[in-house]
PDB file of N, CA and C in Angstrom:
ATOM      1  N   MET A   1      23.218-131.404  62.913  1.00  0.00           N
ATOM      2  CA  MET A   1      22.527-131.996  61.784  1.00  0.00           C
ATOM      3  C   MET A   1      21.063-131.563  61.744  1.00  0.00           C
ATOM      4  N   ALA A   2      20.461-131.400  62.915  1.00  0.00           N
ATOM      5  CA  ALA A   2      19.062-130.974  62.952  1.00  0.00           C
ATOM      6  C   ALA A   2      18.907-129.583  62.352  1.00  0.00           C
ATOM      7  N   ARG A   3      19.901-128.744  62.562  1.00  0.00           N
ATOM      8  CA  ARG A   3      19.839-127.388  62.027  1.00  0.00           C
ATOM      9  C   ARG A   3      19.858-127.389  60.496  1.00  0.00           C
ATOM     10  N   MET A   4      20.555-128.350  59.900  1.00  0.00           N
ATOM     11  CA  MET A   4      20.595-128.420  58.440  1.00  0.00           C
ATOM     12  C   MET A   4      19.236-128.777  57.864  1.00  0.00           C
ATOM     13  N   PHE A   5      18.451-129.591  58.575  1.00  0.00           N
ATOM     14  CA  PHE A   5      17.117-129.901  58.090  1.00  0.00           C
ATOM     15  C   PHE A   5      16.220-128.668  58.175  1.00  0.00           C
ATOM     16  N   ARG A   6      16.432-127.824  59.176  1.00  0.00           N
ATOM     17  CA  ARG A   6      15.677-126.570  59.238  1.00  0.00           C
ATOM     18  C   ARG A   6      16.100-125.627  58.122  1.00  0.00           C
ATOM     19  N   VAL A   7      17.382-125.655  57.748  1.00  0.00           N
ATOM     20  CA  VAL A   7      17.850-124.853  56.617  1.00  0.00           C
ATOM     21  C   VAL A   7      17.226-125.367  55.316  1.00  0.00           C
ATOM     22  N   LEU A   8      17.165-126.688  55.153  1.00  0.00           N
ATOM     23  CA  LEU A   8      16.504-127.252  53.976  1.00  0.00           C
ATOM     24  C   LEU A   8      15.034-126.848  53.945  1.00  0.00           C
ATOM     25  N   GLY A   9      14.394-126.830  55.111  1.00  0.00           N
ATOM     26  CA  GLY A   9      13.006-126.382  55.181  1.00  0.00           C
ATOM     27  C   GLY A   9      12.857-124.936  54.763  1.00  0.00           C
ATOM     28  N   PHE A  10      13.796-124.097  55.159  1.00  0.00           N
ATOM     29  CA  PHE A  10      13.754-122.694  54.762  1.00  0.00           C
ATOM     30  C   PHE A  10      13.845-122.549  53.248  1.00  0.00           C
ATOM     31  N   TRP A  11      14.797-123.250  52.637  1.00  0.00           N
ATOM     32  CA  TRP A  11      14.980-123.102  51.192  1.00  0.00           C
ATOM     33  C   TRP A  11      13.832-123.704  50.407  1.00  0.00           C
ATOM     34  N   THR A  12      13.266-124.810  50.876  1.00  0.00           N
ATOM     35  CA  THR A  12      12.102-125.348  50.174  1.00  0.00           C
ATOM     36  C   THR A  12      10.900-124.422  50.333  1.00  0.00           C
ATOM     37  N   LEU A  13      10.811-123.711  51.459  1.00  0.00           N
ATOM     38  CA  LEU A  13       9.758-122.715  51.619  1.00  0.00           C
ATOM     39  C   LEU A  13       9.938-121.578  50.616  1.00  0.00           C
ATOM     40  N   ILE A  14      11.159-121.103  50.445  1.00  0.00           N
ATOM     41  CA  ILE A  14      11.431-120.035  49.488  1.00  0.00           C
ATOM     42  C   ILE A  14      11.077-120.482  48.072  1.00  0.00           C
ATOM     43  N   ILE A  15      11.476-121.689  47.694  1.00  0.00           N
ATOM     44  CA  ILE A  15      11.163-122.201  46.359  1.00  0.00           C
ATOM     45  C   ILE A  15       9.657-122.354  46.196  1.00  0.00           C
ATOM     46  N   GLY A  16       8.978-122.835  47.231  1.00  0.00           N
ATOM     47  CA  GLY A  16       7.524-122.969  47.171  1.00  0.00           C
ATOM     48  C   GLY A  16       6.823-121.635  47.017  1.00  0.00           C
ATOM     49  N   LEU A  17       7.309-120.619  47.712  1.00  0.00           N
ATOM     50  CA  LEU A  17       6.710-119.288  47.581  1.00  0.00           C
ATOM     51  C   LEU A  17       6.929-118.714  46.185  1.00  0.00           C
ATOM     52  N   MET A  18       8.120-118.930  45.625  1.00  0.00           N
ATOM     53  CA  MET A  18       8.378-118.448  44.267  1.00  0.00           C
ATOM     54  C   MET A  18       7.514-119.194  43.248  1.00  0.00           C
ATOM     55  N   ALA A  19       7.321-120.490  43.460  1.00  0.00           N
ATOM     56  CA  ALA A  19       6.462-121.257  42.557  1.00  0.00           C
ATOM     57  C   ALA A  19       5.017-120.776  42.667  1.00  0.00           C
ATOM     58  N   TYR A  20       4.581-120.478  43.875  1.00  0.00           N
ATOM     59  CA  TYR A  20       3.211-119.982  44.059  1.00  0.00           C
ATOM     60  C   TYR A  20       3.038-118.613  43.407  1.00  0.00           C
ATOM     61  N   ALA A  21       4.049-117.770  43.514  1.00  0.00           N
ATOM     62  CA  ALA A  21       3.990-116.454  42.873  1.00  0.00           C
ATOM     63  C   ALA A  21       3.987-116.583  41.358  1.00  0.00           C
ATOM     64  N   GLY A  22       4.561-117.657  40.836  1.00  0.00           N
ATOM     65  CA  GLY A  22       4.585-117.895  39.402  1.00  0.00           C
ATOM     66  C   GLY A  22       3.404-118.704  38.912  1.00  0.00           C
ATOM     67  N   HIS A  23       2.371-118.867  39.753  1.00  0.00           N
ATOM     68  CA  HIS A  23       1.130-119.578  39.415  1.00  0.00           C
ATOM     69  C   HIS A  23       1.360-121.050  39.104  1.00  0.00           C
ATOM     70  N   MET A  24       2.367-121.651  39.744  1.00  0.00           N
ATOM     71  CA  MET A  24       2.599-123.088  39.621  1.00  0.00           C
ATOM     72  C   MET A  24       2.163-123.739  40.938  1.00  0.00           C
ATOM     73  N   VAL A  25       0.861-123.906  41.081  1.00  0.00           N
ATOM     74  CA  VAL A  25       0.281-124.302  42.361  1.00  0.00           C
ATOM     75  C   VAL A  25       0.704-125.719  42.759  1.00  0.00           C
ATOM     76  N   GLU A  26       0.726-126.652  41.817  1.00  0.00           N
ATOM     77  CA  GLU A  26       1.097-128.028  42.154  1.00  0.00           C
ATOM     78  C   GLU A  26       2.530-128.098  42.675  1.00  0.00           C
ATOM     79  N   MET A  27       3.427-127.399  42.012  1.00  0.00           N
ATOM     80  CA  MET A  27       4.824-127.379  42.445  1.00  0.00           C
ATOM     81  C   MET A  27       4.944-126.708  43.811  1.00  0.00           C
ATOM     82  N   ALA A  28       4.194-125.632  44.011  1.00  0.00           N
ATOM     83  CA  ALA A  28       4.231-124.931  45.293  1.00  0.00           C
ATOM     84  C   ALA A  28       3.751-125.839  46.420  1.00  0.00           C
ATOM     85  N   LEU A  29       2.679-126.584  46.197  1.00  0.00           N
ATOM     86  CA  LEU A  29       2.174-127.494  47.234  1.00  0.00           C
ATOM     87  C   LEU A  29       3.181-128.594  47.548  1.00  0.00           C
ATOM     88  N   LEU A  30       3.836-129.100  46.515  1.00  0.00           N
ATOM     89  CA  LEU A  30       4.864-130.120  46.722  1.00  0.00           C
ATOM     90  C   LEU A  30       5.997-129.584  47.600  1.00  0.00           C
ATOM     91  N   PHE A  31       6.433-128.365  47.337  1.00  0.00           N
ATOM     92  CA  PHE A  31       7.520-127.794  48.122  1.00  0.00           C
ATOM     93  C   PHE A  31       7.062-127.387  49.519  1.00  0.00           C
ATOM     94  N   PHE A  32       5.798-126.998  49.687  1.00  0.00           N
ATOM     95  CA  PHE A  32       5.297-126.716  51.028  1.00  0.00           C
ATOM     96  C   PHE A  32       5.244-127.988  51.869  1.00  0.00           C
ATOM     97  N   LEU A  33       4.899-129.122  51.243  1.00  0.00           N
ATOM     98  CA  LEU A  33       4.921-130.397  51.968  1.00  0.00           C
ATOM     99  C   LEU A  33       6.351-130.781  52.354  1.00  0.00           C
ATOM    100  N   GLN A  34       7.289-130.545  51.463  1.00  0.00           N
ATOM    101  CA  GLN A  34       8.678-130.821  51.789  1.00  0.00           C
ATOM    102  C   GLN A  34       9.158-129.919  52.919  1.00  0.00           C
ATOM    103  N   THR A  35       8.699-128.669  52.937  1.00  0.00           N
ATOM    104  CA  THR A  35       9.061-127.749  54.004  1.00  0.00           C
ATOM    105  C   THR A  35       8.580-128.279  55.347  1.00  0.00           C
ATOM    106  N   ALA A  36       7.322-128.720  55.388  1.00  0.00           N
ATOM    107  CA  ALA A  36       6.782-129.265  56.636  1.00  0.00           C
ATOM    108  C   ALA A  36       7.567-130.498  57.082  1.00  0.00           C
ATOM    109  N   PHE A  37       7.933-131.355  56.139  1.00  0.00           N
ATOM    110  CA  PHE A  37       8.702-132.567  56.447  1.00  0.00           C
ATOM    111  C   PHE A  37      10.070-132.212  57.029  1.00  0.00           C
ATOM    112  N   PHE A  38      10.778-131.293  56.389  1.00  0.00           N
ATOM    113  CA  PHE A  38      12.115-130.940  56.843  1.00  0.00           C
ATOM    114  C   PHE A  38      12.090-130.214  58.188  1.00  0.00           C
ATOM    115  N   VAL A  39      11.164-129.306  58.368  1.00  0.00           N
ATOM    116  CA  VAL A  39      11.098-128.576  59.638  1.00  0.00           C
ATOM    117  C   VAL A  39      10.704-129.523  60.771  1.00  0.00           C
ATOM    118  N   LEU A  40       9.764-130.423  60.512  1.00  0.00           N
ATOM    119  CA  LEU A  40       9.381-131.405  61.534  1.00  0.00           C
ATOM    120  C   LEU A  40      10.574-132.268  61.923  1.00  0.00           C
ATOM    121  N   LEU A  41      11.320-132.764  60.943  1.00  0.00           N
ATOM    122  CA  LEU A  41      12.507-133.565  61.246  1.00  0.00           C
ATOM    123  C   LEU A  41      13.568-132.745  61.978  1.00  0.00           C
ATOM    124  N   GLY A  42      13.645-131.468  61.659  1.00  0.00           N
ATOM    125  CA  GLY A  42      14.642-130.612  62.287  1.00  0.00           C
ATOM    126  C   GLY A  42      14.419-130.407  63.773  1.00  0.00           C
ATOM    127  N   TYR A  43      13.179-130.524  64.218  1.00  0.00           N
ATOM    128  CA  TYR A  43      12.881-130.309  65.638  1.00  0.00           C
ATOM    129  C   TYR A  43      12.682-131.606  66.419  1.00  0.00           C
ATOM    130  N   LEU A  44      12.914-132.761  65.815  1.00  0.00           N
ATOM    131  CA  LEU A  44      12.721-134.032  66.512  1.00  0.00           C
ATOM    132  C   LEU A  44      13.904-134.448  67.376  1.00  0.00           C
ATOM    133  N   LYS A  45      15.056-133.827  67.203  1.00  0.00           N
ATOM    134  CA  LYS A  45      16.261-134.145  67.986  1.00  0.00           C
ATOM    135  C   LYS A  45      16.628-135.629  67.878  1.00  0.00           C
ATOM    136  N   LEU A  46      16.745-136.093  66.633  1.00  0.00           N
ATOM    137  CA  LEU A  46      17.122-137.479  66.387  1.00  0.00           C
ATOM    138  C   LEU A  46      18.638-137.609  66.393  1.00  0.00           C
ATOM    139  N   THR A  47      19.124-138.836  66.300  1.00  0.00           N
ATOM    140  CA  THR A  47      20.569-139.041  66.227  1.00  0.00           C
ATOM    141  C   THR A  47      21.054-138.681  64.823  1.00  0.00           C
ATOM    142  N   GLU A  48      22.349-138.460  64.709  1.00  0.00           N
ATOM    143  CA  GLU A  48      22.901-138.058  63.421  1.00  0.00           C
ATOM    144  C   GLU A  48      22.740-139.168  62.391  1.00  0.00           C
ATOM    145  N   ARG A  49      22.864-140.406  62.817  1.00  0.00           N
ATOM    146  CA  ARG A  49      22.680-141.533  61.895  1.00  0.00           C
ATOM    147  C   ARG A  49      21.250-141.561  61.350  1.00  0.00           C
ATOM    148  N   THR A  50      20.287-141.280  62.201  1.00  0.00           N
ATOM    149  CA  THR A  50      18.896-141.257  61.760  1.00  0.00           C
ATOM    150  C   THR A  50      18.657-140.133  60.765  1.00  0.00           C
ATOM    151  N   TYR A  51      19.260-138.973  61.014  1.00  0.00           N
ATOM    152  CA  TYR A  51      19.129-137.866  60.069  1.00  0.00           C
ATOM    153  C   TYR A  51      19.731-138.214  58.717  1.00  0.00           C
ATOM    154  N   ILE A  52      20.880-138.852  58.712  1.00  0.00           N
ATOM    155  CA  ILE A  52      21.529-139.214  57.452  1.00  0.00           C
ATOM    156  C   ILE A  52      20.708-140.257  56.708  1.00  0.00           C
ATOM    157  N   LEU A  53      20.198-141.269  57.421  1.00  0.00           N
ATOM    158  CA  LEU A  53      19.385-142.295  56.770  1.00  0.00           C
ATOM    159  C   LEU A  53      18.075-141.712  56.238  1.00  0.00           C
ATOM    160  N   SER A  54      17.473-140.788  56.968  1.00  0.00           N
ATOM    161  CA  SER A  54      16.236-140.181  56.476  1.00  0.00           C
ATOM    162  C   SER A  54      16.509-139.316  55.244  1.00  0.00           C
ATOM    163  N   PHE A  55      17.656-138.650  55.211  1.00  0.00           N
ATOM    164  CA  PHE A  55      17.988-137.855  54.027  1.00  0.00           C
ATOM    165  C   PHE A  55      18.243-138.755  52.828  1.00  0.00           C
ATOM    166  N   TRP A  56      18.921-139.884  53.027  1.00  0.00           N
ATOM    167  CA  TRP A  56      19.140-140.844  51.931  1.00  0.00           C
ATOM    168  C   TRP A  56      17.809-141.386  51.439  1.00  0.00           C
ATOM    169  N   GLY A  57      16.892-141.673  52.353  1.00  0.00           N
ATOM    170  CA  GLY A  57      15.565-142.134  51.949  1.00  0.00           C
ATOM    171  C   GLY A  57      14.816-141.082  51.155  1.00  0.00           C
ATOM    172  N   TYR A  58      14.922-139.840  51.601  1.00  0.00           N
ATOM    173  CA  TYR A  58      14.289-138.736  50.877  1.00  0.00           C
ATOM    174  C   TYR A  58      14.874-138.608  49.474  1.00  0.00           C
ATOM    175  N   MET A  59      16.185-138.682  49.353  1.00  0.00           N
ATOM    176  CA  MET A  59      16.819-138.559  48.048  1.00  0.00           C
ATOM    177  C   MET A  59      16.428-139.727  47.139  1.00  0.00           C
ATOM    178  N   LEU A  60      16.332-140.925  47.681  1.00  0.00           N
ATOM    179  CA  LEU A  60      15.934-142.084  46.885  1.00  0.00           C
ATOM    180  C   LEU A  60      14.520-141.895  46.337  1.00  0.00           C
ATOM    181  N   VAL A  61      13.602-141.467  47.183  1.00  0.00           N
ATOM    182  CA  VAL A  61      12.219-141.263  46.748  1.00  0.00           C
ATOM    183  C   VAL A  61      12.132-140.128  45.735  1.00  0.00           C
ATOM    184  N   SER A  62      12.831-139.025  45.986  1.00  0.00           N
ATOM    185  CA  SER A  62      12.725-137.883  45.071  1.00  0.00           C
ATOM    186  C   SER A  62      13.373-138.179  43.720  1.00  0.00           C
ATOM    187  N   PHE A  63      14.514-138.833  43.691  1.00  0.00           N
ATOM    188  CA  PHE A  63      15.148-139.147  42.411  1.00  0.00           C
ATOM    189  C   PHE A  63      14.351-140.190  41.637  1.00  0.00           C
ATOM    190  N   THR A  64      13.772-141.156  42.343  1.00  0.00           N
ATOM    191  CA  THR A  64      12.927-142.143  41.665  1.00  0.00           C
ATOM    192  C   THR A  64      11.699-141.471  41.068  1.00  0.00           C
ATOM    193  N   GLY A  65      11.059-140.593  41.838  1.00  0.00           N
ATOM    194  CA  GLY A  65       9.891-139.884  41.330  1.00  0.00           C
ATOM    195  C   GLY A  65      10.229-138.969  40.175  1.00  0.00           C
ATOM    196  N   PHE A  66      11.342-138.263  40.268  1.00  0.00           N
ATOM    197  CA  PHE A  66      11.761-137.375  39.180  1.00  0.00           C
ATOM    198  C   PHE A  66      12.065-138.172  37.917  1.00  0.00           C
ATOM    199  N   SER A  67      12.768-139.288  38.063  1.00  0.00           N
ATOM    200  CA  SER A  67      13.101-140.110  36.900  1.00  0.00           C
ATOM    201  C   SER A  67      11.845-140.690  36.261  1.00  0.00           C
ATOM    202  N   TYR A  68      10.914-141.164  37.082  1.00  0.00           N
ATOM    203  CA  TYR A  68       9.663-141.687  36.546  1.00  0.00           C
ATOM    204  C   TYR A  68       8.912-140.599  35.781  1.00  0.00           C
ATOM    205  N   TRP A  69       8.817-139.420  36.378  1.00  0.00           N
ATOM    206  CA  TRP A  69       8.064-138.339  35.745  1.00  0.00           C
ATOM    207  C   TRP A  69       8.688-137.919  34.411  1.00  0.00           C
ATOM    208  N   THR A  70      10.019-137.774  34.391  1.00  0.00           N
ATOM    209  CA  THR A  70      10.654-137.309  33.155  1.00  0.00           C
ATOM    210  C   THR A  70      10.648-138.366  32.064  1.00  0.00           C
ATOM    211  N   ILE A  71      10.650-139.652  32.425  1.00  0.00           N
ATOM    212  CA  ILE A  71      10.682-140.700  31.409  1.00  0.00           C
ATOM    213  C   ILE A  71       9.288-141.047  30.915  1.00  0.00           C
ATOM    214  N   PHE A  72       8.315-141.214  31.824  1.00  0.00           N
ATOM    215  CA  PHE A  72       7.027-141.756  31.445  1.00  0.00           C
ATOM    216  C   PHE A  72       5.907-140.724  31.338  1.00  0.00           C
ATOM    217  N   GLU A  73       5.993-139.622  32.035  1.00  0.00           N
ATOM    218  CA  GLU A  73       4.876-138.680  32.062  1.00  0.00           C
ATOM    219  C   GLU A  73       5.061-137.465  31.144  1.00  0.00           C
ATOM    220  N   MET A  74       6.287-137.025  30.945  1.00  0.00           N
ATOM    221  CA  MET A  74       6.500-135.862  30.084  1.00  0.00           C
ATOM    222  C   MET A  74       6.392-136.266  28.619  1.00  0.00           C
ATOM    223  N   SER A  75       5.908-135.348  27.824  1.00  0.00           N
ATOM    224  CA  SER A  75       5.769-135.669  26.406  1.00  0.00           C
ATOM    225  C   SER A  75       7.142-135.602  25.730  1.00  0.00           C
ATOM    226  N   ASN A  76       7.266-136.323  24.660  1.00  0.00           N
ATOM    227  CA  ASN A  76       8.510-136.348  23.897  1.00  0.00           C
ATOM    228  C   ASN A  76       8.649-135.023  23.136  1.00  0.00           C
ATOM    229  N   PRO A  77       9.769-134.314  23.299  1.00  0.00           N
ATOM    230  CA  PRO A  77       9.886-133.004  22.646  1.00  0.00           C
ATOM    231  C   PRO A  77      10.129-133.096  21.136  1.00  0.00           C
ATOM    232  N   PHE A  78      10.363-134.285  20.595  1.00  0.00           N
ATOM    233  CA  PHE A  78      10.684-134.407  19.178  1.00  0.00           C
ATOM    234  C   PHE A  78       9.468-134.777  18.366  1.00  0.00           C
TER     235      PHE A  78
END
């Protein structure tokens, strides 16, 4: 399970680098922070239950933030 968090860190690093190359600095910084979070968790050698609970917590925070941003912060396209 720890290896999967390192894989998630790798992919968030790739997405962050592509965002930085596309001049989307805020998005790149967000993904670089996620990379640091995932790689740090990947090397902590926690139990599998802890890894699963931390991933559920991450998904809860990210989906809540995404939903808030798309509903309240983005302009109405119509």
